């Protein structure tokens, strides 16, 4: 099973290099793809190392990409919306009314078994 995953990873990398070659026509990409395929077929150890390196690069890219995407969403969508809300809506919903000191109130209620029936 592990060898199959290693070969699958090398096949994906090689296919990606060939696709990039079809757009850029850089011959070294074809040579690298061919070497990766030969390494995958001849050495399971090296194929495992390539697989490990590929997944570490993917993990690093996932870490960086998530931070970048969340930052873009924050600065492009949430920050302007919040600034516009503050600009046009002067009174906040979190302000306490002047006549009350708190929103909490004491409820004197004796719970009965009927309170627990059909709570939704």
C-alpha atoms as a PDB file:
ATOM      1  CA  UNK A   1       0.000   0.000   0.000  1.00  0.00           C
ATOM      2  CA  UNK A   2       2.821   2.421   0.876  1.00  0.00           C
ATOM      3  CA  UNK A   3       4.564   1.797  -2.456  1.00  0.00           C
ATOM      4  CA  UNK A   4       1.323   2.520  -4.280  1.00  0.00           C
ATOM      5  CA  UNK A   5       0.990   5.871  -2.503  1.00  0.00           C
ATOM      6  CA  UNK A   6       4.608   6.734  -3.333  1.00  0.00           C
ATOM      7  CA  UNK A   7       4.068   5.895  -6.995  1.00  0.00           C
ATOM      8  CA  UNK A   8       0.806   7.835  -7.020  1.00  0.00           C
ATOM      9  CA  UNK A   9       2.560  10.928  -5.672  1.00  0.00           C
ATOM     10  CA  UNK A  10       5.364  10.653  -8.224  1.00  0.00           C
ATOM     11  CA  UNK A  11       2.807  10.212 -10.999  1.00  0.00           C
ATOM     12  CA  UNK A  12       0.988  13.374  -9.896  1.00  0.00           C
ATOM     13  CA  UNK A  13       4.229  15.381  -9.760  1.00  0.00           C
ATOM     14  CA  UNK A  14       5.324  14.087 -13.166  1.00  0.00           C
ATOM     15  CA  UNK A  15       1.946  14.843 -14.707  1.00  0.00           C
ATOM     16  CA  UNK A  16       2.047  18.358 -13.290  1.00  0.00           C
ATOM     17  CA  UNK A  17       5.520  18.919 -14.720  1.00  0.00           C
ATOM     18  CA  UNK A  18       4.391  17.676 -18.133  1.00  0.00           C
ATOM     19  CA  UNK A  19       1.350  19.983 -18.071  1.00  0.00           C
ATOM     20  CA  UNK A  20       3.548  22.934 -17.137  1.00  0.00           C
ATOM     21  CA  UNK A  21       5.922  21.929 -19.954  1.00  0.00           C
ATOM     22  CA  UNK A  22       3.072  22.011 -22.458  1.00  0.00           C
ATOM     23  CA  UNK A  23       2.529  25.705 -21.646  1.00  0.00           C
ATOM     24  CA  UNK A  24       6.125  26.876 -21.156  1.00  0.00           C
ATOM     25  CA  UNK A  25       8.183  24.500 -23.381  1.00  0.00           C
ATOM     26  CA  UNK A  26      11.019  24.300 -20.849  1.00  0.00           C
ATOM     27  CA  UNK A  27      12.775  21.017 -21.657  1.00  0.00           C
ATOM     28  CA  UNK A  28      14.237  20.594 -18.181  1.00  0.00           C
ATOM     29  CA  UNK A  29      10.708  19.964 -16.855  1.00  0.00           C
ATOM     30  CA  UNK A  30      10.425  16.900 -19.116  1.00  0.00           C
ATOM     31  CA  UNK A  31      13.819  15.647 -17.943  1.00  0.00           C
ATOM     32  CA  UNK A  32      12.824  16.075 -14.282  1.00  0.00           C
ATOM     33  CA  UNK A  33       9.527  14.264 -14.921  1.00  0.00           C
ATOM     34  CA  UNK A  34      11.362  11.392 -16.598  1.00  0.00           C
ATOM     35  CA  UNK A  35      13.894  11.164 -13.751  1.00  0.00           C
ATOM     36  CA  UNK A  36      11.103  11.145 -11.164  1.00  0.00           C
ATOM     37  CA  UNK A  37       9.380   8.309 -13.002  1.00  0.00           C
ATOM     38  CA  UNK A  38      12.623   6.304 -13.177  1.00  0.00           C
ATOM     39  CA  UNK A  39      13.284   6.899  -9.456  1.00  0.00           C
ATOM     40  CA  UNK A  40       9.731   5.818  -8.624  1.00  0.00           C
ATOM     41  CA  UNK A  41      10.099   2.590 -10.560  1.00  0.00           C
ATOM     42  CA  UNK A  42      13.610   1.694  -9.368  1.00  0.00           C
ATOM     43  CA  UNK A  43      13.831   2.764  -5.721  1.00  0.00           C
ATOM     44  CA  UNK A  44      11.049   2.559  -3.191  1.00  0.00           C
ATOM     45  CA  UNK A  45      13.260   4.324  -0.620  1.00  0.00           C
ATOM     46  CA  UNK A  46      13.806   7.403  -2.804  1.00  0.00           C
ATOM     47  CA  UNK A  47      10.154   7.359  -3.846  1.00  0.00           C
ATOM     48  CA  UNK A  48       9.221   7.455  -0.161  1.00  0.00           C
ATOM     49  CA  UNK A  49      11.527  10.420   0.421  1.00  0.00           C
ATOM     50  CA  UNK A  50      10.000  12.266  -2.545  1.00  0.00           C
ATOM     51  CA  UNK A  51       6.525  11.463  -1.186  1.00  0.00           C
ATOM     52  CA  UNK A  52       7.491  12.760   2.272  1.00  0.00           C
ATOM     53  CA  UNK A  53       8.969  15.965   0.802  1.00  0.00           C
ATOM     54  CA  UNK A  54       5.902  16.525  -1.400  1.00  0.00           C
ATOM     55  CA  UNK A  55       3.525  16.266   1.552  1.00  0.00           C
ATOM     56  CA  UNK A  56       5.685  18.541   3.709  1.00  0.00           C
ATOM     57  CA  UNK A  57       5.597  21.169   0.946  1.00  0.00           C
ATOM     58  CA  UNK A  58       1.820  20.717   0.696  1.00  0.00           C
ATOM     59  CA  UNK A  59       1.481  21.110   4.471  1.00  0.00           C
ATOM     60  CA  UNK A  60       3.543  24.308   4.419  1.00  0.00           C
ATOM     61  CA  UNK A  61       1.542  25.723   1.509  1.00  0.00           C
ATOM     62  CA  UNK A  62      -1.714  24.872   3.290  1.00  0.00           C
ATOM     63  CA  UNK A  63      -0.526  26.686   6.403  1.00  0.00           C
ATOM     64  CA  UNK A  64       0.493  29.790   4.462  1.00  0.00           C
ATOM     65  CA  UNK A  65      -2.516  29.782   2.139  1.00  0.00           C
ATOM     66  CA  UNK A  66      -5.022  29.582   4.978  1.00  0.00           C
ATOM     67  CA  UNK A  67      -3.468  32.623   6.644  1.00  0.00           C
ATOM     68  CA  UNK A  68      -3.410  34.571   3.382  1.00  0.00           C
ATOM     69  CA  UNK A  69      -7.016  33.700   2.484  1.00  0.00           C
ATOM     70  CA  UNK A  70      -8.317  34.536   5.943  1.00  0.00           C
ATOM     71  CA  UNK A  71      -6.446  37.846   5.868  1.00  0.00           C
ATOM     72  CA  UNK A  72      -7.899  38.700   2.458  1.00  0.00           C
ATOM     73  CA  UNK A  73     -11.424  37.884   3.633  1.00  0.00           C
ATOM     74  CA  UNK A  74     -10.922  40.000   6.742  1.00  0.00           C
ATOM     75  CA  UNK A  75      -9.455  43.056   5.041  1.00  0.00           C
ATOM     76  CA  UNK A  76     -11.578  42.970   1.874  1.00  0.00           C
ATOM     77  CA  UNK A  77     -14.981  42.071   3.345  1.00  0.00           C
ATOM     78  CA  UNK A  78     -15.238  42.262   7.125  1.00  0.00           C
ATOM     79  CA  UNK A  79     -13.220  45.396   7.850  1.00  0.00           C
ATOM     80  CA  UNK A  80     -15.044  47.635   5.300  1.00  0.00           C
ATOM     81  CA  UNK A  81     -18.433  46.318   6.424  1.00  0.00           C
ATOM     82  CA  UNK A  82     -17.620  47.029  10.066  1.00  0.00           C
ATOM     83  CA  UNK A  83     -16.300  50.505   9.262  1.00  0.00           C
ATOM     84  CA  UNK A  84     -19.407  51.345   7.228  1.00  0.00           C
ATOM     85  CA  UNK A  85     -21.609  50.039  10.031  1.00  0.00           C
ATOM     86  CA  UNK A  86     -19.840  52.242  12.557  1.00  0.00           C
ATOM     87  CA  UNK A  87     -20.015  55.222  10.234  1.00  0.00           C
ATOM     88  CA  UNK A  88     -23.772  55.026   9.617  1.00  0.00           C
ATOM     89  CA  UNK A  89     -25.000  53.508  12.890  1.00  0.00           C
ATOM     90  CA  UNK A  90     -23.975  55.629  15.847  1.00  0.00           C
ATOM     91  CA  UNK A  91     -25.748  53.746  18.655  1.00  0.00           C
ATOM     92  CA  UNK A  92     -24.414  50.334  19.392  1.00  0.00           C
ATOM     93  CA  UNK A  93     -26.666  47.491  20.473  1.00  0.00           C
ATOM     94  CA  UNK A  94     -24.302  46.649  23.305  1.00  0.00           C
ATOM     95  CA  UNK A  95     -24.793  49.939  25.135  1.00  0.00           C
ATOM     96  CA  UNK A  96     -26.691  49.664  28.375  1.00  0.00           C
ATOM     97  CA  UNK A  97     -29.777  51.769  28.915  1.00  0.00           C
ATOM     98  CA  UNK A  98     -29.291  54.518  31.436  1.00  0.00           C
ATOM     99  CA  UNK A  99     -32.256  53.462  33.587  1.00  0.00           C
ATOM    100  CA  UNK A 100     -30.935  49.928  34.001  1.00  0.00           C
ATOM    101  CA  UNK A 101     -27.622  48.788  35.336  1.00  0.00           C
ATOM    102  CA  UNK A 102     -27.858  45.288  33.886  1.00  0.00           C
ATOM    103  CA  UNK A 103     -29.809  43.218  31.393  1.00  0.00           C
ATOM    104  CA  UNK A 104     -30.096  40.324  33.832  1.00  0.00           C
ATOM    105  CA  UNK A 105     -33.162  39.933  35.969  1.00  0.00           C
ATOM    106  CA  UNK A 106     -34.149  37.568  38.737  1.00  0.00           C
ATOM    107  CA  UNK A 107     -36.724  34.991  37.789  1.00  0.00           C
ATOM    108  CA  UNK A 108     -38.538  33.301  40.613  1.00  0.00           C
ATOM    109  CA  UNK A 109     -39.843  30.174  38.989  1.00  0.00           C
ATOM    110  CA  UNK A 110     -40.357  26.761  40.443  1.00  0.00           C
ATOM    111  CA  UNK A 111     -39.505  24.103  37.876  1.00  0.00           C
ATOM    112  CA  UNK A 112     -41.982  21.297  37.390  1.00  0.00           C
ATOM    113  CA  UNK A 113     -41.778  18.104  35.299  1.00  0.00           C
ATOM    114  CA  UNK A 114     -43.959  19.795  32.689  1.00  0.00           C
ATOM    115  CA  UNK A 115     -41.136  22.322  32.051  1.00  0.00           C
ATOM    116  CA  UNK A 116     -38.918  19.483  30.804  1.00  0.00           C
ATOM    117  CA  UNK A 117     -41.463  18.042  28.392  1.00  0.00           C
ATOM    118  CA  UNK A 118     -41.118  19.094  24.769  1.00  0.00           C
ATOM    119  CA  UNK A 119     -38.391  21.660  25.466  1.00  0.00           C
ATOM    120  CA  UNK A 120     -37.985  22.526  21.808  1.00  0.00           C
END
